[in-house]
Structure formats: structure tokens, C-alpha cells
C-alpha atoms as a PDB file:
ATOM      1  CA  MET A   1     -18.259 -22.962 -32.217  1.00  0.00           C
ATOM      2  CA  LYS A   2     -18.565 -18.719 -32.776  1.00  0.00           C
ATOM      3  CA  ASN A   3     -18.506 -18.298 -29.393  1.00  0.00           C
ATOM      4  CA  LYS A   4     -15.203 -19.961 -28.741  1.00  0.00           C
ATOM      5  CA  ILE A   5     -13.572 -18.489 -31.948  1.00  0.00           C
ATOM      6  CA  ASN A   6     -15.173 -15.171 -30.549  1.00  0.00           C
ATOM      7  CA  GLY A   7     -13.399 -15.829 -27.281  1.00  0.00           C
ATOM      8  CA  ILE A   8     -10.104 -16.565 -28.702  1.00  0.00           C
ATOM      9  CA  VAL A   9      -9.893 -12.934 -30.718  1.00  0.00           C
ATOM     10  CA  ILE A  10     -11.078 -11.317 -27.673  1.00  0.00           C
ATOM     11  CA  LEU A  11      -8.463 -12.910 -25.463  1.00  0.00           C
ATOM     12  CA  ALA A  12      -5.463 -12.107 -28.587  1.00  0.00           C
ATOM     13  CA  LEU A  13      -6.782  -8.071 -28.654  1.00  0.00           C
ATOM     14  CA  MET A  14      -6.563  -8.414 -24.631  1.00  0.00           C
ATOM     15  CA  VAL A  15      -2.886 -10.037 -25.367  1.00  0.00           C
ATOM     16  CA  THR A  16      -2.039  -7.350 -28.203  1.00  0.00           C
ATOM     17  CA  ALA A  17      -3.049  -4.377 -26.462  1.00  0.00           C
ATOM     18  CA  GLY A  18      -0.877  -4.614 -23.673  1.00  0.00           C
ATOM     19  CA  CYS A  19      -3.124  -5.118 -20.890  1.00  0.00           C
ATOM     20  CA  SER A  20      -1.406  -7.978 -18.241  1.00  0.00           C
ATOM     21  CA  SER A  21      -3.772  -9.288 -15.932  1.00  0.00           C
ATOM     22  CA  ARG A  22      -2.983 -10.594 -12.460  1.00  0.00           C
ATOM     23  CA  SER A  23      -6.280 -11.789 -12.239  1.00  0.00           C
ATOM     24  CA  ALA A  24      -8.749 -14.934 -14.541  1.00  0.00           C
ATOM     25  CA  VAL A  25     -11.954 -13.622 -15.224  1.00  0.00           C
ATOM     26  CA  THR A  26     -14.958 -15.779 -15.822  1.00  0.00           C
ATOM     27  CA  ALA A  27     -18.467 -15.403 -16.094  1.00  0.00           C
ATOM     28  CA  PRO A  28     -20.656 -16.497 -13.302  1.00  0.00           C
ATOM     29  CA  GLU A  29     -23.825 -18.740 -14.283  1.00  0.00           C
ATOM     30  CA  THR A  30     -27.407 -16.578 -14.566  1.00  0.00           C
ATOM     31  CA  SER A  31     -30.087 -17.428 -14.766  1.00  0.00           C
ATOM     32  CA  GLY A  32     -32.988 -15.186 -16.332  1.00  0.00           C
ATOM     33  CA  SER A  33     -32.610 -12.838 -18.670  1.00  0.00           C
ATOM     34  CA  GLN A  34     -29.113 -11.096 -16.740  1.00  0.00           C
ATOM     35  CA  ALA A  35     -26.308 -10.478 -18.899  1.00  0.00           C
ATOM     36  CA  PRO A  36     -23.214 -11.621 -16.781  1.00  0.00           C
ATOM     37  CA  SER A  37     -20.299  -9.572 -15.112  1.00  0.00           C
ATOM     38  CA  PRO A  38     -17.634 -10.751 -14.998  1.00  0.00           C
ATOM     39  CA  LYS A  39     -15.917 -11.462 -11.521  1.00  0.00           C
ATOM     40  CA  ILE A  40     -12.578 -11.721 -10.799  1.00  0.00           C
ATOM     41  CA  SER A  41     -11.216 -14.718  -9.576  1.00  0.00           C
ATOM     42  CA  SER A  42      -7.539 -14.767  -7.368  1.00  0.00           C
ATOM     43  CA  PRO A  43      -4.724 -12.836  -8.740  1.00  0.00           C
ATOM     44  CA  VAL A  44      -1.418 -15.130 -11.185  1.00  0.00           C
ATOM     45  CA  THR A  45       1.172 -14.941  -9.365  1.00  0.00           C
ATOM     46  CA  PRO A  46       3.768 -11.843 -11.848  1.00  0.00           C
ATOM     47  CA  PRO A  47       7.027 -12.063 -13.149  1.00  0.00           C
ATOM     48  CA  ALA A  48      10.079 -11.130 -11.022  1.00  0.00           C
ATOM     49  CA  PRO A  49      10.958  -7.459 -11.476  1.00  0.00           C
ATOM     50  CA  VAL A  50      12.781  -5.856 -14.784  1.00  0.00           C
ATOM     51  CA  THR A  51      16.030  -5.289 -12.389  1.00  0.00           C
ATOM     52  CA  PRO A  52      16.664  -1.803 -12.730  1.00  0.00           C
ATOM     53  CA  PRO A  53      19.995  -0.466 -14.932  1.00  0.00           C
ATOM     54  CA  GLU A  54      22.886  -0.134 -12.292  1.00  0.00           C
ATOM     55  CA  THR A  55      23.493   4.431 -12.069  1.00  0.00           C
ATOM     56  CA  PRO A  56      27.919   5.943 -12.874  1.00  0.00           C
ATOM     57  CA  THR A  57      28.426   5.255  -8.637  1.00  0.00           C
ATOM     58  CA  GLY A  58      27.789   1.008  -9.002  1.00  0.00           C
ATOM     59  CA  THR A  59      24.529   1.810  -6.983  1.00  0.00           C
ATOM     60  CA  LEU A  60      21.266   1.149  -7.696  1.00  0.00           C
ATOM     61  CA  PRO A  61      18.396   3.427  -7.791  1.00  0.00           C
ATOM     62  CA  THR A  62      16.048   2.829  -5.197  1.00  0.00           C
ATOM     63  CA  GLU A  63      12.265   3.530  -5.177  1.00  0.00           C
ATOM     64  CA  PRO A  64      10.498   3.503  -1.511  1.00  0.00           C
ATOM     65  CA  ALA A  65       8.073   1.325  -0.205  1.00  0.00           C
ATOM     66  CA  PRO A  66       4.826   1.129  -2.107  1.00  0.00           C
ATOM     67  CA  PRO A  67       2.156   2.531   0.743  1.00  0.00           C
ATOM     68  CA  SER A  68      -0.237  -0.480   1.564  1.00  0.00           C
ATOM     69  CA  PRO A  69      -3.449   0.186   0.986  1.00  0.00           C
ATOM     70  CA  ALA A  70      -3.703  -0.091   4.481  1.00  0.00           C
ATOM     71  CA  SER A  71      -1.672   3.331   5.747  1.00  0.00           C
ATOM     72  CA  LEU A  72      -3.819   5.166   2.995  1.00  0.00           C
ATOM     73  CA  SER A  73      -6.453   6.879   5.267  1.00  0.00           C
ATOM     74  CA  GLY A  74      -9.612   7.110   2.894  1.00  0.00           C
ATOM     75  CA  TYR A  75     -10.545  10.690   4.612  1.00  0.00           C
ATOM     76  CA  GLY A  76      -9.480  14.100   2.780  1.00  0.00           C
ATOM     77  CA  PHE A  77      -7.143  11.870   0.244  1.00  0.00           C
ATOM     78  CA  ASP A  78      -7.584  14.834  -2.465  1.00  0.00           C
ATOM     79  CA  GLN A  79      -8.773  17.560  -3.909  1.00  0.00           C
ATOM     80  CA  TRP A  80     -12.562  16.072  -5.034  1.00  0.00           C
ATOM     81  CA  GLN A  81     -12.652  14.182  -1.841  1.00  0.00           C
ATOM     82  CA  ASN A  82     -16.179  16.254  -0.717  1.00  0.00           C
ATOM     83  CA  GLY A  83     -17.165  14.979   2.912  1.00  0.00           C
ATOM     84  CA  PRO A  84     -17.192  11.941   5.535  1.00  0.00           C
ATOM     85  CA  LEU A  85     -17.068   8.530   3.708  1.00  0.00           C
ATOM     86  CA  GLY A  86     -13.302   6.733   2.665  1.00  0.00           C
ATOM     87  CA  ASP A  87     -12.304   5.881   0.086  1.00  0.00           C
ATOM     88  CA  VAL A  88     -10.935   2.353  -0.464  1.00  0.00           C
ATOM     89  CA  PHE A  89      -7.978   1.256  -2.812  1.00  0.00           C
ATOM     90  CA  TYR A  90      -7.143  -2.454  -4.274  1.00  0.00           C
ATOM     91  CA  ASP A  91      -4.078  -4.429  -5.621  1.00  0.00           C
ATOM     92  CA  PHE A  92      -3.263  -4.246  -9.301  1.00  0.00           C
ATOM     93  CA  ASP A  93      -5.808  -4.995 -12.003  1.00  0.00           C
ATOM     94  CA  SER A  94      -8.239  -5.863  -8.958  1.00  0.00           C
ATOM     95  CA  THR A  95     -11.410  -5.387  -7.848  1.00  0.00           C
ATOM     96  CA  VAL A  96     -11.166  -7.679  -4.895  1.00  0.00           C
ATOM     97  CA  LEU A  97     -11.559  -5.753  -1.620  1.00  0.00           C
ATOM     98  CA  SER A  98      -8.658  -6.165   1.281  1.00  0.00           C
ATOM     99  CA  ALA A  99      -9.721  -6.449   4.506  1.00  0.00           C
ATOM    100  CA  GLU A 100      -8.993  -3.099   5.254  1.00  0.00           C
ATOM    101  CA  ALA A 101     -11.119  -2.015   1.963  1.00  0.00           C
ATOM    102  CA  GLN A 102     -14.004  -3.747   4.133  1.00  0.00           C
ATOM    103  CA  ASP A 103     -13.420  -2.238   7.240  1.00  0.00           C
ATOM    104  CA  GLN A 104     -13.829   1.491   5.503  1.00  0.00           C
ATOM    105  CA  LEU A 105     -17.506   0.583   3.566  1.00  0.00           C
ATOM    106  CA  LYS A 106     -18.089  -0.616   6.942  1.00  0.00           C
ATOM    107  CA  GLN A 107     -17.328   2.535   8.530  1.00  0.00           C
ATOM    108  CA  ASN A 108     -19.190   4.799   5.542  1.00  0.00           C
ATOM    109  CA  ALA A 109     -22.373   2.140   5.464  1.00  0.00           C
ATOM    110  CA  ALA A 110     -22.480   3.265   9.456  1.00  0.00           C
ATOM    111  CA  TRP A 111     -22.052   6.764   8.230  1.00  0.00           C
ATOM    112  CA  LEU A 112     -24.906   6.407   5.579  1.00  0.00           C
ATOM    113  CA  GLU A 113     -27.346   4.576   7.652  1.00  0.00           C
ATOM    114  CA  ASN A 114     -26.954   7.450  10.627  1.00  0.00           C
ATOM    115  CA  ASN A 115     -27.422   9.997   7.955  1.00  0.00           C
ATOM    116  CA  SER A 116     -30.463   8.814   5.862  1.00  0.00           C
ATOM    117  CA  ALA A 117     -31.035  12.431   3.907  1.00  0.00           C
ATOM    118  CA  HIS A 118     -27.450  11.951   1.955  1.00  0.00           C
ATOM    119  CA  LYS A 119     -27.352   9.599  -1.011  1.00  0.00           C
ATOM    120  CA  ALA A 120     -22.875   9.394  -1.965  1.00  0.00           C
ATOM    121  CA  LEU A 121     -21.165   9.176  -5.660  1.00  0.00           C
ATOM    122  CA  ILE A 122     -19.081   6.172  -6.253  1.00  0.00           C
ATOM    123  CA  GLU A 123     -15.662   7.217  -8.279  1.00  0.00           C
ATOM    124  CA  GLY A 124     -13.951   3.719  -9.962  1.00  0.00           C
ATOM    125  CA  HIS A 125     -10.366   4.777 -10.420  1.00  0.00           C
ATOM    126  CA  CYS A 126      -7.012   3.299 -11.853  1.00  0.00           C
ATOM    127  CA  ASP A 127      -3.881   3.582 -11.906  1.00  0.00           C
ATOM    128  CA  SER A 128      -2.111   4.903 -15.689  1.00  0.00           C
ATOM    129  CA  ARG A 129      -1.744   0.986 -17.230  1.00  0.00           C
ATOM    130  CA  GLY A 130      -3.455  -0.119 -19.464  1.00  0.00           C
ATOM    131  CA  THR A 131      -5.534   1.310 -22.261  1.00  0.00           C
ATOM    132  CA  SER A 132      -7.924   3.541 -22.205  1.00  0.00           C
ATOM    133  CA  GLU A 133     -10.917   1.578 -22.555  1.00  0.00           C
ATOM    134  CA  TYR A 134      -9.712  -1.302 -20.029  1.00  0.00           C
ATOM    135  CA  ASN A 135      -9.489   1.446 -17.175  1.00  0.00           C
ATOM    136  CA  MET A 136     -12.746   2.257 -17.510  1.00  0.00           C
ATOM    137  CA  ALA A 137     -14.033  -1.010 -17.592  1.00  0.00           C
ATOM    138  CA  LEU A 138     -11.775  -1.774 -14.322  1.00  0.00           C
ATOM    139  CA  GLY A 139     -13.846   1.346 -12.745  1.00  0.00           C
ATOM    140  CA  ASP A 140     -16.555   1.185 -13.624  1.00  0.00           C
ATOM    141  CA  ARG A 141     -16.349  -2.385 -11.885  1.00  0.00           C
ATOM    142  CA  ARG A 142     -14.304  -1.581  -8.269  1.00  0.00           C
ATOM    143  CA  ALA A 143     -17.279   1.500  -7.991  1.00  0.00           C
ATOM    144  CA  SER A 144     -20.307  -1.778  -9.062  1.00  0.00           C
ATOM    145  CA  THR A 145     -18.156  -3.692  -6.148  1.00  0.00           C
ATOM    146  CA  ALA A 146     -18.038  -1.263  -3.514  1.00  0.00           C
ATOM    147  CA  LYS A 147     -21.768  -0.285  -3.843  1.00  0.00           C
ATOM    148  CA  GLU A 148     -22.732  -3.573  -4.010  1.00  0.00           C
ATOM    149  CA  TYR A 149     -21.031  -4.164  -1.116  1.00  0.00           C
ATOM    150  CA  LEU A 150     -22.689  -1.530   0.622  1.00  0.00           C
ATOM    151  CA  VAL A 151     -26.312  -2.893  -0.203  1.00  0.00           C
ATOM    152  CA  ARG A 152     -25.035  -5.483   1.345  1.00  0.00           C
ATOM    153  CA  LEU A 153     -24.824  -3.851   4.377  1.00  0.00           C
ATOM    154  CA  GLY A 154     -28.308  -2.582   4.156  1.00  0.00           C
ATOM    155  CA  VAL A 155     -27.885   0.528   2.647  1.00  0.00           C
ATOM    156  CA  ALA A 156     -30.407   1.857  -0.210  1.00  0.00           C
ATOM    157  CA  SER A 157     -29.078   1.009  -3.917  1.00  0.00           C
ATOM    158  CA  SER A 158     -31.350   3.967  -4.880  1.00  0.00           C
ATOM    159  CA  ARG A 159     -28.606   6.097  -2.579  1.00  0.00           C
ATOM    160  CA  LEU A 160     -25.259   5.256  -4.883  1.00  0.00           C
ATOM    161  CA  GLU A 161     -24.712   6.070  -8.205  1.00  0.00           C
ATOM    162  CA  THR A 162     -21.479   4.751  -9.765  1.00  0.00           C
ATOM    163  CA  PHE A 163     -18.967   6.235 -12.753  1.00  0.00           C
ATOM    164  CA  SER A 164     -15.558   5.479 -14.035  1.00  0.00           C
ATOM    165  CA  PHE A 165     -13.366   7.643 -14.555  1.00  0.00           C
ATOM    166  CA  GLY A 166     -10.300   5.046 -15.317  1.00  0.00           C
ATOM    167  CA  GLU A 167      -7.616   7.045 -15.413  1.00  0.00           C
ATOM    168  CA  GLU A 168      -8.756  10.617 -15.754  1.00  0.00           C
ATOM    169  CA  ARG A 169      -8.164  11.593 -12.962  1.00  0.00           C
ATOM    170  CA  PRO A 170      -5.697  10.711 -10.985  1.00  0.00           C
ATOM    171  CA  PHE A 171      -4.513  12.026  -6.899  1.00  0.00           C
ATOM    172  CA  ASP A 172      -0.625  10.877  -7.807  1.00  0.00           C
ATOM    173  CA  THR A 173       0.344  11.489 -11.046  1.00  0.00           C
ATOM    174  CA  GLY A 174       4.094  10.147 -10.104  1.00  0.00           C
ATOM    175  CA  LYS A 175       5.078   6.927 -12.707  1.00  0.00           C
ATOM    176  CA  GLY A 176       6.267   4.231 -10.074  1.00  0.00           C
ATOM    177  CA  GLU A 177       3.900   1.761  -8.099  1.00  0.00           C
ATOM    178  CA  ASN A 178       3.929   4.595  -4.741  1.00  0.00           C
ATOM    179  CA  ALA A 179       1.637   6.606  -7.221  1.00  0.00           C
ATOM    180  CA  TRP A 180       0.285   3.709  -8.697  1.00  0.00           C
ATOM    181  CA  ALA A 181      -0.933   2.290  -5.512  1.00  0.00           C
ATOM    182  CA  LYS A 182      -3.649   6.163  -4.747  1.00  0.00           C
ATOM    183  CA  ASN A 183      -4.938   5.560  -8.017  1.00  0.00           C
ATOM    184  CA  ARG A 184      -6.599   2.762  -7.704  1.00  0.00           C
ATOM    185  CA  ARG A 185      -9.481   3.007  -5.806  1.00  0.00           C
ATOM    186  CA  ALA A 186     -13.583   3.448  -5.845  1.00  0.00           C
ATOM    187  CA  HIS A 187     -13.952   7.437  -4.096  1.00  0.00           C
ATOM    188  CA  PHE A 188     -16.897   8.324  -2.420  1.00  0.00           C
ATOM    189  CA  VAL A 189     -18.536  11.193  -2.893  1.00  0.00           C
ATOM    190  CA  MET A 190     -21.503  13.053  -1.306  1.00  0.00           C
ATOM    191  CA  LYS A 191     -24.370  14.437  -2.648  1.00  0.00           C
ATOM    192  CA  LYS A 192     -27.767  16.212  -1.090  1.00  0.00           C
END
């Protein structure tokens, strides 16, 4: 009963804190003494966007379509890029690796395999929506998801370190989906 009440309280806090989520979080089955980590299931359809008010000229302001993750180059994408490993990008409030993200991680794994003296720091980043605490946790999950995928591809876990910046180090400080899409990423930094 106490766990049920705690779950309800946590859910209520997330809702009141403005942490809208397009995906459901479920706890995986665990064995032994390992602590469960959240897994993200399929996204829920978001509500329809609100239509902006008309401008004085009678036309609606338009924003260019947001870039797709496939159109964002993972190499040299921002001022913190250091080395030949490309970044991977995520949908809103998601840690699911798209096909493009998986392809980029395969390229990163191949490079790491051929350059065994190098290590990598995987930084998790978020857009500016949600609370700082929520975004730090989401950034951590994004970095961990990228690391876990690389480990499954054969990269030694000891060569990969993760860190979350949450929303604190955006590539694009603008508002709107174009800027936010660039900030939802796992960023790779080379280490020796």
C-alpha cells in the first residue's frame, strides 16, 4: 500500500512540475540486488498544437520545419565536439535510439574498435523544457542508452564514461522545435 501511495505522490509531483511526457516509464524485471532502471515504452500521441494568434497583417507567423535527426550532422556539430565521433539525437522526452542514431553509434563503435588507445565521454543533453532535475535524469538516461548500445556492439565499457548536462549546455539557445531538436542529444567527446 505504501509503494502505491508513493507512486501516486511521485506521479502527482511530475504532473504539477510541468514534466509532460510522451512516453510511459515502466520498471523492468530485476534479479538479484540490482536496482531497476527505467525503460521507456512507446510514445503516447501528444495533444494538438495550439494555433498562434494572427499577426496584424492577417497571416499566421510560421517557423521552418524542425530538422530531422537524420539531417543533423554528428561531426563537429558544436563547439564542444572533440574528435571523430558523431553525436546522436533523440525525440522529445525520449531515450529511444532511432535508426539514424543506431547507424551513427555503429560508426562510432567501428572507429573506437580501430583506435583502441582512445576513450570517449558521452554527454547527455536535453532541450529546455521540463525541470532541471528531470532533464538531468533524462540526459543521464540518454548517455547511458548510447553507452549500452556501444557496449553491445563490442566496445569495452571501461572505455566509455557518461555524464549528464541536462539542459545546461545547449547547442542552440533559441526557442522552438528547430532549436530544441539540436539540443536533445548524446554528445561524444574524445579522451586519451
